[in-house]
């Protein structure tokens, strides 16, 4: 699966026991421009009342910067489907 702005989710096929492999997300740092994969637990999704207040964030494993990027409908779908913790703000 892939989405706009370089966010991609990758999951393996269901295992023999019917379980699905953990999802990892490809992301990039806006500060140091490093590219990496992050587990769902490393990302946070905030769904606000508008496009301006809906975003996802993570800490860059390379430089330690706090990265915040807008999240459109497709990104929200990928992240929630992949088990990313979601906070709804009013």
C-alpha atoms as a PDB file:
ATOM      1  CA  UNK A   1       0.000   0.000   0.000  1.00  0.00           C
ATOM      2  CA  UNK A   2       1.230   3.482  -0.606  1.00  0.00           C
ATOM      3  CA  UNK A   3      -0.009   6.979  -0.066  1.00  0.00           C
ATOM      4  CA  UNK A   4       0.845  10.541  -0.926  1.00  0.00           C
ATOM      5  CA  UNK A   5       3.779  12.424   0.600  1.00  0.00           C
ATOM      6  CA  UNK A   6       5.990   9.361   0.768  1.00  0.00           C
ATOM      7  CA  UNK A   7       4.063   7.462   3.428  1.00  0.00           C
ATOM      8  CA  UNK A   8       3.895   3.801   2.618  1.00  0.00           C
ATOM      9  CA  UNK A   9       2.602   0.897   4.624  1.00  0.00           C
ATOM     10  CA  UNK A  10       4.013  -2.545   4.072  1.00  0.00           C
ATOM     11  CA  UNK A  11       2.640  -5.728   5.564  1.00  0.00           C
ATOM     12  CA  UNK A  12       3.476  -9.285   4.814  1.00  0.00           C
ATOM     13  CA  UNK A  13       0.867 -11.783   3.676  1.00  0.00           C
ATOM     14  CA  UNK A  14      -1.153 -13.572   6.335  1.00  0.00           C
ATOM     15  CA  UNK A  15       0.875 -16.265   8.079  1.00  0.00           C
ATOM     16  CA  UNK A  16      -0.078 -19.880   8.219  1.00  0.00           C
ATOM     17  CA  UNK A  17      -1.755 -19.326  11.567  1.00  0.00           C
ATOM     18  CA  UNK A  18      -3.969 -16.607  10.078  1.00  0.00           C
ATOM     19  CA  UNK A  19      -2.065 -13.749  11.716  1.00  0.00           C
ATOM     20  CA  UNK A  20      -0.822 -10.725   9.779  1.00  0.00           C
ATOM     21  CA  UNK A  21       2.771  -9.535   9.970  1.00  0.00           C
ATOM     22  CA  UNK A  22       3.323  -6.218  11.794  1.00  0.00           C
ATOM     23  CA  UNK A  23       2.905  -3.139   9.625  1.00  0.00           C
ATOM     24  CA  UNK A  24       5.791  -0.749   9.103  1.00  0.00           C
ATOM     25  CA  UNK A  25       5.570   2.671   7.525  1.00  0.00           C
ATOM     26  CA  UNK A  26       8.129   4.286   5.257  1.00  0.00           C
ATOM     27  CA  UNK A  27       8.706   7.910   6.175  1.00  0.00           C
ATOM     28  CA  UNK A  28      11.218  10.714   5.695  1.00  0.00           C
ATOM     29  CA  UNK A  29      12.509  13.452   7.958  1.00  0.00           C
ATOM     30  CA  UNK A  30      11.889  17.011   6.824  1.00  0.00           C
ATOM     31  CA  UNK A  31      14.979  18.216   8.723  1.00  0.00           C
ATOM     32  CA  UNK A  32      17.779  15.793   7.829  1.00  0.00           C
ATOM     33  CA  UNK A  33      16.000  14.177   4.833  1.00  0.00           C
ATOM     34  CA  UNK A  34      16.757  10.664   6.079  1.00  0.00           C
ATOM     35  CA  UNK A  35      14.431   7.889   4.888  1.00  0.00           C
ATOM     36  CA  UNK A  36      13.509   4.994   7.147  1.00  0.00           C
ATOM     37  CA  UNK A  37      10.794   2.561   8.219  1.00  0.00           C
ATOM     38  CA  UNK A  38       8.900   2.982  11.472  1.00  0.00           C
ATOM     39  CA  UNK A  39       6.638   0.556  13.326  1.00  0.00           C
ATOM     40  CA  UNK A  40       3.049   1.676  13.990  1.00  0.00           C
ATOM     41  CA  UNK A  41       3.926   2.388  17.630  1.00  0.00           C
ATOM     42  CA  UNK A  42       6.421   5.076  16.595  1.00  0.00           C
ATOM     43  CA  UNK A  43       3.770   7.191  14.850  1.00  0.00           C
ATOM     44  CA  UNK A  44       0.979   9.326  16.292  1.00  0.00           C
ATOM     45  CA  UNK A  45      -2.094  10.438  14.372  1.00  0.00           C
ATOM     46  CA  UNK A  46      -4.234  13.419  15.354  1.00  0.00           C
ATOM     47  CA  UNK A  47      -7.593  13.814  13.650  1.00  0.00           C
ATOM     48  CA  UNK A  48      -8.878  17.343  14.018  1.00  0.00           C
ATOM     49  CA  UNK A  49     -11.939  19.183  12.833  1.00  0.00           C
ATOM     50  CA  UNK A  50     -10.268  20.340   9.608  1.00  0.00           C
ATOM     51  CA  UNK A  51      -7.481  19.474   7.178  1.00  0.00           C
ATOM     52  CA  UNK A  52      -5.199  21.946   8.954  1.00  0.00           C
ATOM     53  CA  UNK A  53      -5.612  20.150  12.270  1.00  0.00           C
ATOM     54  CA  UNK A  54      -5.284  16.576  11.006  1.00  0.00           C
ATOM     55  CA  UNK A  55      -1.684  15.358  10.990  1.00  0.00           C
ATOM     56  CA  UNK A  56       0.677  12.558  11.912  1.00  0.00           C
ATOM     57  CA  UNK A  57       3.935  12.901  13.767  1.00  0.00           C
ATOM     58  CA  UNK A  58       7.012  10.922  14.717  1.00  0.00           C
ATOM     59  CA  UNK A  59      10.522  11.423  16.020  1.00  0.00           C
ATOM     60  CA  UNK A  60      13.266  11.013  13.426  1.00  0.00           C
ATOM     61  CA  UNK A  61      15.475   8.072  14.424  1.00  0.00           C
ATOM     62  CA  UNK A  62      18.449   9.703  12.685  1.00  0.00           C
ATOM     63  CA  UNK A  63      18.504  13.290  14.015  1.00  0.00           C
ATOM     64  CA  UNK A  64      15.885  13.225  16.794  1.00  0.00           C
ATOM     65  CA  UNK A  65      13.736  15.946  15.229  1.00  0.00           C
ATOM     66  CA  UNK A  66      10.013  15.978  15.931  1.00  0.00           C
ATOM     67  CA  UNK A  67       8.396  15.660  12.509  1.00  0.00           C
ATOM     68  CA  UNK A  68       4.793  16.701  11.862  1.00  0.00           C
ATOM     69  CA  UNK A  69       3.125  16.172   8.479  1.00  0.00           C
ATOM     70  CA  UNK A  70      -0.416  16.762   7.232  1.00  0.00           C
ATOM     71  CA  UNK A  71      -2.623  13.696   6.900  1.00  0.00           C
ATOM     72  CA  UNK A  72      -5.248  13.577   4.187  1.00  0.00           C
ATOM     73  CA  UNK A  73      -7.978  10.972   3.995  1.00  0.00           C
ATOM     74  CA  UNK A  74      -5.771   8.308   2.403  1.00  0.00           C
ATOM     75  CA  UNK A  75      -3.007   8.755   4.984  1.00  0.00           C
ATOM     76  CA  UNK A  76      -5.553   8.560   7.822  1.00  0.00           C
ATOM     77  CA  UNK A  77      -6.905   5.345   6.290  1.00  0.00           C
ATOM     78  CA  UNK A  78      -3.431   3.790   5.990  1.00  0.00           C
ATOM     79  CA  UNK A  79      -2.336   4.761   9.480  1.00  0.00           C
ATOM     80  CA  UNK A  80      -5.516   3.714  11.281  1.00  0.00           C
ATOM     81  CA  UNK A  81      -5.623   0.463   9.311  1.00  0.00           C
ATOM     82  CA  UNK A  82      -2.030  -0.194  10.329  1.00  0.00           C
ATOM     83  CA  UNK A  83      -2.668   0.203  14.042  1.00  0.00           C
ATOM     84  CA  UNK A  84      -1.276   3.701  14.640  1.00  0.00           C
ATOM     85  CA  UNK A  85      -2.579   5.296  17.849  1.00  0.00           C
ATOM     86  CA  UNK A  86      -5.135   7.954  17.040  1.00  0.00           C
ATOM     87  CA  UNK A  87      -6.164  11.020  18.992  1.00  0.00           C
ATOM     88  CA  UNK A  88      -9.278  12.927  18.017  1.00  0.00           C
ATOM     89  CA  UNK A  89      -9.266  16.606  18.866  1.00  0.00           C
ATOM     90  CA  UNK A  90     -12.268  18.884  18.933  1.00  0.00           C
END
